[in-house]
Each structure stands twice: as C-alpha cells, then as structure tokens.
Amino acid sequence: VTLHNTTATPAIAIKLTPRKQHMSGPSSRVLPAFIDDNYFSLMPGESKSVTIEFHKDDTDGRNPIIEISGWNIDTSTLAC
C-alpha cells in the first residue's frame, strides 16, 4: 500500500488494519497479518509504502480491505 498526504497538515499516528469486507455490519480483522510499519506520520506532500502480508484463506472468502485510521484523519478503507 502506498499512502500520500495531500493535505497541508501532518497526518499523525496512521494505522493500517486489514479487514474482511462485509456488506452490512462491522468488518472483522484479517488475522494473522504482518505489517512492516504502523503508527507512523506523514508530513504534507510526503508518501510512504507499507507492505501488508496475510493469507487469502484467512479472509473467509470475503474481499479484503485495508482500513486507514489515524489521530487526526478520518477513517477510510481501501480495496485490495
């Protein structure tokens, strides 16, 4: 996953969480998952690539998504 901070303010304590996509209700985490960096910050205009590894079998046949959250950013998701 490559993230870009396109805002004029730093994005602080960014956390990436792989999840199993559900059509209704909350999505559950994909476990185990190995993330090479988490809880990092991006200055305005900065980019960062993060590797996330998990087995497709651990998604229970659902489409995996990546939840992106942080201290001062709105939570969003990214399709895998």
PDB file of N, CA and C in Angstrom:
ATOM      1  N   VAL A   1       0.862  -1.168   0.000  1.00  0.00           N
ATOM      2  CA  VAL A   1       0.000   0.000   0.000  1.00  0.00           C
ATOM      3  C   VAL A   1       0.903   1.223   0.000  1.00  0.00           C
ATOM      4  N   THR A   2       0.603   2.185  -0.863  1.00  0.00           N
ATOM      5  CA  THR A   2       1.322   3.455  -0.852  1.00  0.00           C
ATOM      6  C   THR A   2       0.360   4.564  -0.479  1.00  0.00           C
ATOM      7  N   LEU A   3       0.702   5.312   0.554  1.00  0.00           N
ATOM      8  CA  LEU A   3      -0.134   6.413   1.028  1.00  0.00           C
ATOM      9  C   LEU A   3       0.531   7.733   0.700  1.00  0.00           C
ATOM     10  N   HIS A   4      -0.286   8.736   0.392  1.00  0.00           N
ATOM     11  CA  HIS A   4       0.197  10.085   0.084  1.00  0.00           C
ATOM     12  C   HIS A   4      -0.570  11.069   0.960  1.00  0.00           C
ATOM     13  N   ASN A   5       0.124  11.982   1.606  1.00  0.00           N
ATOM     14  CA  ASN A   5      -0.542  13.042   2.360  1.00  0.00           C
ATOM     15  C   ASN A   5      -0.676  14.246   1.433  1.00  0.00           C
ATOM     16  N   THR A   6      -1.877  14.457   0.940  1.00  0.00           N
ATOM     17  CA  THR A   6      -2.135  15.554   0.006  1.00  0.00           C
ATOM     18  C   THR A   6      -2.659  16.798   0.713  1.00  0.00           C
ATOM     19  N   THR A   7      -2.700  16.769   2.056  1.00  0.00           N
ATOM     20  CA  THR A   7      -3.210  17.913   2.812  1.00  0.00           C
ATOM     21  C   THR A   7      -2.069  18.858   3.180  1.00  0.00           C
ATOM     22  N   ALA A   8      -2.427  19.978   3.800  1.00  0.00           N
ATOM     23  CA  ALA A   8      -1.439  20.958   4.240  1.00  0.00           C
ATOM     24  C   ALA A   8      -1.000  20.730   5.684  1.00  0.00           C
ATOM     25  N   THR A   9      -1.517  19.678   6.319  1.00  0.00           N
ATOM     26  CA  THR A   9      -1.166  19.392   7.705  1.00  0.00           C
ATOM     27  C   THR A   9      -0.581  17.982   7.835  1.00  0.00           C
ATOM     28  N   PRO A  10       0.239  17.744   8.841  1.00  0.00           N
ATOM     29  CA  PRO A  10       0.764  16.395   9.048  1.00  0.00           C
ATOM     30  C   PRO A  10      -0.365  15.412   9.392  1.00  0.00           C
ATOM     31  N   ALA A  11      -0.256  14.188   8.900  1.00  0.00           N
ATOM     32  CA  ALA A  11      -1.154  13.096   9.277  1.00  0.00           C
ATOM     33  C   ALA A  11      -0.411  12.285  10.342  1.00  0.00           C
ATOM     34  N   ILE A  12      -0.993  12.193  11.531  1.00  0.00           N
ATOM     35  CA  ILE A  12      -0.272  11.655  12.686  1.00  0.00           C
ATOM     36  C   ILE A  12      -0.837  10.298  13.108  1.00  0.00           C
ATOM     37  N   ALA A  13       0.054   9.390  13.481  1.00  0.00           N
ATOM     38  CA  ALA A  13      -0.282   8.061  14.018  1.00  0.00           C
ATOM     39  C   ALA A  13      -1.177   7.275  13.060  1.00  0.00           C
ATOM     40  N   ILE A  14      -0.758   7.180  11.814  1.00  0.00           N
ATOM     41  CA  ILE A  14      -1.509   6.430  10.811  1.00  0.00           C
ATOM     42  C   ILE A  14      -1.401   4.941  11.119  1.00  0.00           C
ATOM     43  N   LYS A  15      -2.549   4.267  11.102  1.00  0.00           N
ATOM     44  CA  LYS A  15      -2.594   2.831  11.374  1.00  0.00           C
ATOM     45  C   LYS A  15      -3.314   2.142  10.229  1.00  0.00           C
ATOM     46  N   LEU A  16      -2.759   1.036   9.736  1.00  0.00           N
ATOM     47  CA  LEU A  16      -3.367   0.240   8.671  1.00  0.00           C
ATOM     48  C   LEU A  16      -3.840  -1.085   9.271  1.00  0.00           C
ATOM     49  N   THR A  17      -5.092  -1.449   8.988  1.00  0.00           N
ATOM     50  CA  THR A  17      -5.668  -2.677   9.531  1.00  0.00           C
ATOM     51  C   THR A  17      -6.335  -3.458   8.406  1.00  0.00           C
ATOM     52  N   PRO A  18      -5.839  -4.642   8.063  1.00  0.00           N
ATOM     53  CA  PRO A  18      -6.528  -5.458   7.058  1.00  0.00           C
ATOM     54  C   PRO A  18      -7.813  -6.039   7.653  1.00  0.00           C
ATOM     55  N   ARG A  19      -8.890  -5.956   6.878  1.00  0.00           N
ATOM     56  CA  ARG A  19     -10.198  -6.419   7.341  1.00  0.00           C
ATOM     57  C   ARG A  19     -10.878  -7.257   6.273  1.00  0.00           C
ATOM     58  N   LYS A  20     -11.854  -8.067   6.726  1.00  0.00           N
ATOM     59  CA  LYS A  20     -12.702  -8.853   5.825  1.00  0.00           C
ATOM     60  C   LYS A  20     -13.926  -8.004   5.513  1.00  0.00           C
ATOM     61  N   GLN A  21     -14.156  -7.710   4.245  1.00  0.00           N
ATOM     62  CA  GLN A  21     -15.258  -6.831   3.862  1.00  0.00           C
ATOM     63  C   GLN A  21     -16.599  -7.513   4.111  1.00  0.00           C
ATOM     64  N   HIS A  22     -17.508  -6.796   4.766  1.00  0.00           N
ATOM     65  CA  HIS A  22     -18.873  -7.261   4.994  1.00  0.00           C
ATOM     66  C   HIS A  22     -19.824  -6.279   4.329  1.00  0.00           C
ATOM     67  N   MET A  23     -20.884  -6.784   3.750  1.00  0.00           N
ATOM     68  CA  MET A  23     -21.856  -5.912   3.088  1.00  0.00           C
ATOM     69  C   MET A  23     -22.664  -5.120   4.111  1.00  0.00           C
ATOM     70  N   SER A  24     -22.927  -5.704   5.270  1.00  0.00           N
ATOM     71  CA  SER A  24     -23.645  -4.993   6.330  1.00  0.00           C
ATOM     72  C   SER A  24     -22.974  -5.304   7.657  1.00  0.00           C
ATOM     73  N   GLY A  25     -22.926  -4.331   8.509  1.00  0.00           N
ATOM     74  CA  GLY A  25     -22.315  -4.535   9.819  1.00  0.00           C
ATOM     75  C   GLY A  25     -20.819  -4.306   9.789  1.00  0.00           C
ATOM     76  N   PRO A  26     -20.201  -4.402  10.964  1.00  0.00           N
ATOM     77  CA  PRO A  26     -18.754  -4.138  11.052  1.00  0.00           C
ATOM     78  C   PRO A  26     -17.948  -5.263  10.408  1.00  0.00           C
ATOM     79  N   SER A  27     -16.803  -4.907   9.904  1.00  0.00           N
ATOM     80  CA  SER A  27     -15.905  -5.902   9.313  1.00  0.00           C
ATOM     81  C   SER A  27     -14.940  -6.387  10.383  1.00  0.00           C
ATOM     82  N   SER A  28     -14.538  -7.641  10.272  1.00  0.00           N
ATOM     83  CA  SER A  28     -13.609  -8.199  11.251  1.00  0.00           C
ATOM     84  C   SER A  28     -12.186  -8.178  10.688  1.00  0.00           C
ATOM     85  N   ARG A  29     -11.215  -8.205  11.559  1.00  0.00           N
ATOM     86  CA  ARG A  29      -9.811  -8.141  11.166  1.00  0.00           C
ATOM     87  C   ARG A  29      -9.374  -9.433  10.497  1.00  0.00           C
ATOM     88  N   VAL A  30      -8.432  -9.315   9.570  1.00  0.00           N
ATOM     89  CA  VAL A  30      -7.766 -10.481   8.995  1.00  0.00           C
ATOM     90  C   VAL A  30      -6.579 -10.786   9.902  1.00  0.00           C
ATOM     91  N   LEU A  31      -6.585 -11.982  10.467  1.00  0.00           N
ATOM     92  CA  LEU A  31      -5.513 -12.392  11.372  1.00  0.00           C
ATOM     93  C   LEU A  31      -5.035 -13.783  11.001  1.00  0.00           C
ATOM     94  N   PRO A  32      -3.765 -14.057  11.060  1.00  0.00           N
ATOM     95  CA  PRO A  32      -2.685 -13.113  11.328  1.00  0.00           C
ATOM     96  C   PRO A  32      -2.386 -12.264  10.096  1.00  0.00           C
ATOM     97  N   ALA A  33      -1.855 -11.095  10.341  1.00  0.00           N
ATOM     98  CA  ALA A  33      -1.395 -10.199   9.276  1.00  0.00           C
ATOM     99  C   ALA A  33      -0.075  -9.587   9.726  1.00  0.00           C
ATOM    100  N   PHE A  34       0.821  -9.421   8.793  1.00  0.00           N
ATOM    101  CA  PHE A  34       2.145  -8.869   9.079  1.00  0.00           C
ATOM    102  C   PHE A  34       2.282  -7.550   8.331  1.00  0.00           C
ATOM    103  N   ILE A  35       2.493  -6.474   9.082  1.00  0.00           N
ATOM    104  CA  ILE A  35       2.565  -5.114   8.543  1.00  0.00           C
ATOM    105  C   ILE A  35       3.952  -4.575   8.867  1.00  0.00           C
ATOM    106  N   ASP A  36       4.691  -4.145   7.825  1.00  0.00           N
ATOM    107  CA  ASP A  36       6.084  -3.763   8.086  1.00  0.00           C
ATOM    108  C   ASP A  36       6.252  -2.414   8.776  1.00  0.00           C
ATOM    109  N   ASP A  37       5.176  -1.621   8.894  1.00  0.00           N
ATOM    110  CA  ASP A  37       5.224  -0.370   9.652  1.00  0.00           C
ATOM    111  C   ASP A  37       3.797   0.031   9.983  1.00  0.00           C
ATOM    112  N   ASN A  38       3.601   0.610  11.142  1.00  0.00           N
ATOM    113  CA  ASN A  38       2.288   1.069  11.573  1.00  0.00           C
ATOM    114  C   ASN A  38       2.485   2.183  12.593  1.00  0.00           C
ATOM    115  N   TYR A  39       1.474   2.982  12.798  1.00  0.00           N
ATOM    116  CA  TYR A  39       1.537   4.142  13.695  1.00  0.00           C
ATOM    117  C   TYR A  39       2.677   5.077  13.278  1.00  0.00           C
ATOM    118  N   PHE A  40       2.629   5.503  12.029  1.00  0.00           N
ATOM    119  CA  PHE A  40       3.636   6.421  11.508  1.00  0.00           C
ATOM    120  C   PHE A  40       2.951   7.726  11.115  1.00  0.00           C
ATOM    121  N   SER A  41       3.735   8.736  10.852  1.00  0.00           N
ATOM    122  CA  SER A  41       3.204  10.042  10.453  1.00  0.00           C
ATOM    123  C   SER A  41       3.699  10.405   9.061  1.00  0.00           C
ATOM    124  N   LEU A  42       2.901  11.222   8.369  1.00  0.00           N
ATOM    125  CA  LEU A  42       3.284  11.729   7.050  1.00  0.00           C
ATOM    126  C   LEU A  42       3.160  13.248   7.053  1.00  0.00           C
ATOM    127  N   MET A  43       4.226  13.909   6.682  1.00  0.00           N
ATOM    128  CA  MET A  43       4.199  15.358   6.543  1.00  0.00           C
ATOM    129  C   MET A  43       3.471  15.723   5.247  1.00  0.00           C
ATOM    130  N   PRO A  44       3.026  16.968   5.109  1.00  0.00           N
ATOM    131  CA  PRO A  44       2.346  17.382   3.871  1.00  0.00           C
ATOM    132  C   PRO A  44       3.210  17.075   2.644  1.00  0.00           C
ATOM    133  N   GLY A  45       2.606  16.443   1.651  1.00  0.00           N
ATOM    134  CA  GLY A  45       3.297  16.102   0.413  1.00  0.00           C
ATOM    135  C   GLY A  45       4.123  14.827   0.488  1.00  0.00           C
ATOM    136  N   GLU A  46       4.259  14.232   1.657  1.00  0.00           N
ATOM    137  CA  GLU A  46       5.079  13.035   1.835  1.00  0.00           C
ATOM    138  C   GLU A  46       4.289  11.771   1.465  1.00  0.00           C
ATOM    139  N   SER A  47       5.011  10.750   1.017  1.00  0.00           N
ATOM    140  CA  SER A  47       4.433   9.441   0.673  1.00  0.00           C
ATOM    141  C   SER A  47       5.188   8.351   1.415  1.00  0.00           C
ATOM    142  N   LYS A  48       4.513   7.211   1.598  1.00  0.00           N
ATOM    143  CA  LYS A  48       5.149   6.069   2.248  1.00  0.00           C
ATOM    144  C   LYS A  48       4.508   4.799   1.716  1.00  0.00           C
ATOM    145  N   SER A  49       5.338   3.802   1.427  1.00  0.00           N
ATOM    146  CA  SER A  49       4.853   2.476   1.031  1.00  0.00           C
ATOM    147  C   SER A  49       4.981   1.538   2.218  1.00  0.00           C
ATOM    148  N   VAL A  50       3.923   0.755   2.447  1.00  0.00           N
ATOM    149  CA  VAL A  50       3.881  -0.194   3.554  1.00  0.00           C
ATOM    150  C   VAL A  50       3.470  -1.551   2.994  1.00  0.00           C
ATOM    151  N   THR A  51       4.183  -2.591   3.386  1.00  0.00           N
ATOM    152  CA  THR A  51       3.866  -3.945   2.948  1.00  0.00           C
ATOM    153  C   THR A  51       2.988  -4.623   3.996  1.00  0.00           C
ATOM    154  N   ILE A  52       1.876  -5.205   3.535  1.00  0.00           N
ATOM    155  CA  ILE A  52       0.959  -5.944   4.402  1.00  0.00           C
ATOM    156  C   ILE A  52       0.834  -7.342   3.820  1.00  0.00           C
ATOM    157  N   GLU A  53       1.085  -8.348   4.657  1.00  0.00           N
ATOM    158  CA  GLU A  53       1.011  -9.737   4.199  1.00  0.00           C
ATOM    159  C   GLU A  53       0.020 -10.529   5.049  1.00  0.00           C
ATOM    160  N   PHE A  54      -0.820 -11.311   4.363  1.00  0.00           N
ATOM    161  CA  PHE A  54      -1.722 -12.245   5.028  1.00  0.00           C
ATOM    162  C   PHE A  54      -2.113 -13.299   4.007  1.00  0.00           C
ATOM    163  N   HIS A  55      -2.642 -14.414   4.487  1.00  0.00           N
ATOM    164  CA  HIS A  55      -3.085 -15.485   3.597  1.00  0.00           C
ATOM    165  C   HIS A  55      -4.524 -15.223   3.164  1.00  0.00           C
ATOM    166  N   LYS A  56      -4.790 -15.390   1.881  1.00  0.00           N
ATOM    167  CA  LYS A  56      -6.135 -15.183   1.366  1.00  0.00           C
ATOM    168  C   LYS A  56      -7.145 -16.098   2.064  1.00  0.00           C
ATOM    169  N   ASP A  57      -6.708 -17.297   2.467  1.00  0.00           N
ATOM    170  CA  ASP A  57      -7.606 -18.219   3.185  1.00  0.00           C
ATOM    171  C   ASP A  57      -8.128 -17.606   4.481  1.00  0.00           C
ATOM    172  N   ASP A  58      -7.379 -16.684   5.085  1.00  0.00           N
ATOM    173  CA  ASP A  58      -7.789 -16.071   6.353  1.00  0.00           C
ATOM    174  C   ASP A  58      -8.837 -14.974   6.182  1.00  0.00           C
ATOM    175  N   THR A  59      -9.270 -14.729   4.937  1.00  0.00           N
ATOM    176  CA  THR A  59     -10.333 -13.737   4.703  1.00  0.00           C
ATOM    177  C   THR A  59     -11.709 -14.384   4.699  1.00  0.00           C
ATOM    178  N   ASP A  60     -11.774 -15.697   4.889  1.00  0.00           N
ATOM    179  CA  ASP A  60     -13.054 -16.434   4.913  1.00  0.00           C
ATOM    180  C   ASP A  60     -13.865 -16.222   3.644  1.00  0.00           C
ATOM    181  N   GLY A  61     -13.185 -16.091   2.505  1.00  0.00           N
ATOM    182  CA  GLY A  61     -13.861 -15.929   1.223  1.00  0.00           C
ATOM    183  C   GLY A  61     -14.394 -14.526   0.961  1.00  0.00           C
ATOM    184  N   ARG A  62     -14.129 -13.597   1.852  1.00  0.00           N
ATOM    185  CA  ARG A  62     -14.584 -12.211   1.663  1.00  0.00           C
ATOM    186  C   ARG A  62     -13.465 -11.391   1.014  1.00  0.00           C
ATOM    187  N   ASN A  63     -13.843 -10.300   0.374  1.00  0.00           N
ATOM    188  CA  ASN A  63     -12.843  -9.416  -0.224  1.00  0.00           C
ATOM    189  C   ASN A  63     -12.085  -8.695   0.888  1.00  0.00           C
ATOM    190  N   PRO A  64     -10.759  -8.714   0.851  1.00  0.00           N
ATOM    191  CA  PRO A  64     -10.004  -7.982   1.869  1.00  0.00           C
ATOM    192  C   PRO A  64     -10.003  -6.481   1.569  1.00  0.00           C
ATOM    193  N   ILE A  65     -10.047  -5.698   2.623  1.00  0.00           N
ATOM    194  CA  ILE A  65      -9.924  -4.244   2.526  1.00  0.00           C
ATOM    195  C   ILE A  65      -8.885  -3.798   3.555  1.00  0.00           C
ATOM    196  N   ILE A  66      -8.344  -2.612   3.363  1.00  0.00           N
ATOM    197  CA  ILE A  66      -7.404  -2.043   4.328  1.00  0.00           C
ATOM    198  C   ILE A  66      -8.074  -0.823   4.942  1.00  0.00           C
ATOM    199  N   GLU A  67      -8.221  -0.852   6.266  1.00  0.00           N
ATOM    200  CA  GLU A  67      -8.757   0.296   6.983  1.00  0.00           C
ATOM    201  C   GLU A  67      -7.594   1.222   7.312  1.00  0.00           C
ATOM    202  N   ILE A  68      -7.753   2.501   7.012  1.00  0.00           N
ATOM    203  CA  ILE A  68      -6.724   3.510   7.274  1.00  0.00           C
ATOM    204  C   ILE A  68      -7.289   4.470   8.314  1.00  0.00           C
ATOM    205  N   SER A  69      -6.607   4.571   9.449  1.00  0.00           N
ATOM    206  CA  SER A  69      -7.067   5.468  10.505  1.00  0.00           C
ATOM    207  C   SER A  69      -5.865   6.211  11.070  1.00  0.00           C
ATOM    208  N   GLY A  70      -6.135   7.216  11.861  1.00  0.00           N
ATOM    209  CA  GLY A  70      -5.065   7.988  12.472  1.00  0.00           C
ATOM    210  C   GLY A  70      -5.604   8.966  13.482  1.00  0.00           C
ATOM    211  N   TRP A  71      -4.696   9.641  14.167  1.00  0.00           N
ATOM    212  CA  TRP A  71      -5.074  10.552  15.239  1.00  0.00           C
ATOM    213  C   TRP A  71      -5.876  11.738  14.710  1.00  0.00           C
ATOM    214  N   ASN A  72      -5.472  12.295  13.586  1.00  0.00           N
ATOM    215  CA  ASN A  72      -6.145  13.498  13.082  1.00  0.00           C
ATOM    216  C   ASN A  72      -6.676  13.313  11.650  1.00  0.00           C
ATOM    217  N   ILE A  73      -6.974  12.062  11.265  1.00  0.00           N
ATOM    218  CA  ILE A  73      -7.541  11.817   9.936  1.00  0.00           C
ATOM    219  C   ILE A  73      -8.811  10.986  10.085  1.00  0.00           C
ATOM    220  N   ASP A  74      -9.725  11.152   9.145  1.00  0.00           N
ATOM    221  CA  ASP A  74     -10.941  10.356   9.126  1.00  0.00           C
ATOM    222  C   ASP A  74     -10.605   8.926   8.708  1.00  0.00           C
ATOM    223  N   THR A  75     -11.278   7.970   9.316  1.00  0.00           N
ATOM    224  CA  THR A  75     -11.081   6.565   8.954  1.00  0.00           C
ATOM    225  C   THR A  75     -11.648   6.317   7.562  1.00  0.00           C
ATOM    226  N   SER A  76     -10.879   5.613   6.743  1.00  0.00           N
ATOM    227  CA  SER A  76     -11.327   5.271   5.389  1.00  0.00           C
ATOM    228  C   SER A  76     -10.873   3.860   5.079  1.00  0.00           C
ATOM    229  N   THR A  77     -11.359   3.310   3.965  1.00  0.00           N
ATOM    230  CA  THR A  77     -10.956   1.973   3.560  1.00  0.00           C
ATOM    231  C   THR A  77     -10.450   1.990   2.128  1.00  0.00           C
ATOM    232  N   LEU A  78      -9.639   1.002   1.844  1.00  0.00           N
ATOM    233  CA  LEU A  78      -9.031   0.843   0.536  1.00  0.00           C
ATOM    234  C   LEU A  78      -9.203  -0.607   0.114  1.00  0.00           C
ATOM    235  N   ALA A  79      -9.754  -0.846  -1.081  1.00  0.00           N
ATOM    236  CA  ALA A  79      -9.922  -2.212  -1.572  1.00  0.00           C
ATOM    237  C   ALA A  79      -8.559  -2.789  -1.931  1.00  0.00           C
ATOM    238  N   CYS A  80      -8.400  -4.079  -1.688  1.00  0.00           N
ATOM    239  CA  CYS A  80      -7.150  -4.770  -2.054  1.00  0.00           C
ATOM    240  C   CYS A  80      -7.242  -5.327  -3.449  1.00  0.00           C
TER     241      CYS A  80
END
